[in-house]
């Protein structure tokens, strides 16, 4: 993790991306 301020948007994007994948997988299953 590099600086919290710089990594925050990246983390948020990663979390939203992972949640979107989970929703897609759960919807397909």
PDB file of N, CA and C in Angstrom:
ATOM      1  N   UNK A   1       0.839  -1.205   0.000  1.00  0.00           N
ATOM      2  CA  UNK A   1       0.000   0.000   0.000  1.00  0.00           C
ATOM      3  C   UNK A   1       0.869   1.249   0.000  1.00  0.00           C
ATOM      4  N   UNK A   2       0.728   2.050  -1.042  1.00  0.00           N
ATOM      5  CA  UNK A   2       1.476   3.315  -1.082  1.00  0.00           C
ATOM      6  C   UNK A   2       0.553   4.382  -0.482  1.00  0.00           C
ATOM      7  N   UNK A   3       1.011   5.399   0.126  1.00  0.00           N
ATOM      8  CA  UNK A   3       0.161   6.470   0.678  1.00  0.00           C
ATOM      9  C   UNK A   3      -1.341   6.178   0.632  1.00  0.00           C
ATOM     10  N   UNK A   4      -1.993   6.328   1.741  1.00  0.00           N
ATOM     11  CA  UNK A   4      -3.445   6.079   1.812  1.00  0.00           C
ATOM     12  C   UNK A   4      -4.195   6.983   0.840  1.00  0.00           C
ATOM     13  N   UNK A   5      -3.854   8.261   0.814  1.00  0.00           N
ATOM     14  CA  UNK A   5      -4.564   9.195  -0.063  1.00  0.00           C
ATOM     15  C   UNK A   5      -4.484   8.775  -1.524  1.00  0.00           C
ATOM     16  N   UNK A   6      -3.298   8.309  -1.949  1.00  0.00           N
ATOM     17  CA  UNK A   6      -3.121   7.929  -3.353  1.00  0.00           C
ATOM     18  C   UNK A   6      -3.753   6.572  -3.638  1.00  0.00           C
ATOM     19  N   UNK A   7      -3.726   5.687  -2.654  1.00  0.00           N
ATOM     20  CA  UNK A   7      -4.235   4.341  -2.882  1.00  0.00           C
ATOM     21  C   UNK A   7      -5.743   4.239  -2.673  1.00  0.00           C
ATOM     22  N   UNK A   8      -6.342   5.233  -2.007  1.00  0.00           N
ATOM     23  CA  UNK A   8      -7.781   5.166  -1.728  1.00  0.00           C
ATOM     24  C   UNK A   8      -8.603   4.965  -2.999  1.00  0.00           C
ATOM     25  N   UNK A   9      -8.476   5.814  -4.024  1.00  0.00           N
ATOM     26  CA  UNK A   9      -9.278   5.626  -5.239  1.00  0.00           C
ATOM     27  C   UNK A   9      -9.015   4.270  -5.881  1.00  0.00           C
ATOM     28  N   UNK A  10      -7.763   3.815  -5.828  1.00  0.00           N
ATOM     29  CA  UNK A  10      -7.426   2.518  -6.427  1.00  0.00           C
ATOM     30  C   UNK A  10      -8.113   1.401  -5.659  1.00  0.00           C
ATOM     31  N   UNK A  11      -8.096   1.509  -4.334  1.00  0.00           N
ATOM     32  CA  UNK A  11      -8.733   0.488  -3.493  1.00  0.00           C
ATOM     33  C   UNK A  11     -10.235   0.487  -3.737  1.00  0.00           C
ATOM     34  N   UNK A  12     -10.819   1.676  -3.810  1.00  0.00           N
ATOM     35  CA  UNK A  12     -12.274   1.775  -4.040  1.00  0.00           C
ATOM     36  C   UNK A  12     -12.630   1.146  -5.378  1.00  0.00           C
ATOM     37  N   UNK A  13     -11.819   1.414  -6.394  1.00  0.00           N
ATOM     38  CA  UNK A  13     -12.080   0.848  -7.715  1.00  0.00           C
ATOM     39  C   UNK A  13     -11.947  -0.665  -7.672  1.00  0.00           C
ATOM     40  N   UNK A  14     -10.946  -1.159  -6.948  1.00  0.00           N
ATOM     41  CA  UNK A  14     -10.741  -2.603  -6.855  1.00  0.00           C
ATOM     42  C   UNK A  14     -11.902  -3.255  -6.106  1.00  0.00           C
ATOM     43  N   UNK A  15     -12.345  -2.601  -5.026  1.00  0.00           N
ATOM     44  CA  UNK A  15     -13.464  -3.147  -4.238  1.00  0.00           C
ATOM     45  C   UNK A  15     -14.732  -3.172  -5.080  1.00  0.00           C
ATOM     46  N   UNK A  16     -15.008  -2.097  -5.800  1.00  0.00           N
ATOM     47  CA  UNK A  16     -16.212  -2.040  -6.622  1.00  0.00           C
ATOM     48  C   UNK A  16     -16.125  -3.083  -7.731  1.00  0.00           C
ATOM     49  N   UNK A  17     -14.919  -3.268  -8.282  1.00  0.00           N
ATOM     50  CA  UNK A  17     -14.732  -4.258  -9.348  1.00  0.00           C
ATOM     51  C   UNK A  17     -14.948  -5.662  -8.812  1.00  0.00           C
ATOM     52  N   UNK A  18     -14.411  -5.954  -7.638  1.00  0.00           N
ATOM     53  CA  UNK A  18     -14.550  -7.286  -7.048  1.00  0.00           C
ATOM     54  C   UNK A  18     -16.003  -7.547  -6.690  1.00  0.00           C
ATOM     55  N   UNK A  19     -16.691  -6.527  -6.175  1.00  0.00           N
ATOM     56  CA  UNK A  19     -18.101  -6.689  -5.796  1.00  0.00           C
ATOM     57  C   UNK A  19     -18.939  -6.918  -7.053  1.00  0.00           C
ATOM     58  N   UNK A  20     -18.593  -6.222  -8.134  1.00  0.00           N
ATOM     59  CA  UNK A  20     -19.332  -6.389  -9.386  1.00  0.00           C
ATOM     60  C   UNK A  20     -19.134  -7.812  -9.902  1.00  0.00           C
ATOM     61  N   UNK A  21     -17.916  -8.336  -9.789  1.00  0.00           N
ATOM     62  CA  UNK A  21     -17.658  -9.706 -10.235  1.00  0.00           C
ATOM     63  C   UNK A  21     -18.469 -10.684  -9.394  1.00  0.00           C
ATOM     64  N   UNK A  22     -18.506 -10.453  -8.086  1.00  0.00           N
ATOM     65  CA  UNK A  22     -19.255 -11.342  -7.190  1.00  0.00           C
ATOM     66  C   UNK A  22     -20.727 -11.319  -7.560  1.00  0.00           C
ATOM     67  N   UNK A  23     -21.263 -10.132  -7.840  1.00  0.00           N
ATOM     68  CA  UNK A  23     -22.678 -10.017  -8.194  1.00  0.00           C
ATOM     69  C   UNK A  23     -22.940 -10.760  -9.497  1.00  0.00           C
ATOM     70  N   UNK A  24     -22.051 -10.633 -10.461  1.00  0.00           N
ATOM     71  CA  UNK A  24     -22.231 -11.321 -11.739  1.00  0.00           C
ATOM     72  C   UNK A  24     -22.199 -12.827 -11.535  1.00  0.00           C
ATOM     73  N   UNK A  25     -21.241 -13.297 -10.759  1.00  0.00           N
ATOM     74  CA  UNK A  25     -21.111 -14.737 -10.510  1.00  0.00           C
ATOM     75  C   UNK A  25     -22.351 -15.261  -9.800  1.00  0.00           C
ATOM     76  N   UNK A  26     -22.815 -14.537  -8.796  1.00  0.00           N
ATOM     77  CA  UNK A  26     -23.993 -14.978  -8.037  1.00  0.00           C
ATOM     78  C   UNK A  26     -25.226 -14.942  -8.943  1.00  0.00           C
ATOM     79  N   UNK A  27     -25.279 -13.976  -9.854  1.00  0.00           N
ATOM     80  CA  UNK A  27     -26.426 -13.869 -10.752  1.00  0.00           C
ATOM     81  C   UNK A  27     -26.407 -15.019 -11.761  1.00  0.00           C
ATOM     82  N   UNK A  28     -25.220 -15.375 -12.225  1.00  0.00           N
ATOM     83  CA  UNK A  28     -25.116 -16.460 -13.205  1.00  0.00           C
ATOM     84  C   UNK A  28     -25.392 -17.813 -12.557  1.00  0.00           C
ATOM     85  N   UNK A  29     -24.969 -17.971 -11.312  1.00  0.00           N
ATOM     86  CA  UNK A  29     -25.131 -19.259 -10.654  1.00  0.00           C
ATOM     87  C   UNK A  29     -26.584 -19.511 -10.281  1.00  0.00           C
TER      88      UNK A  29
END
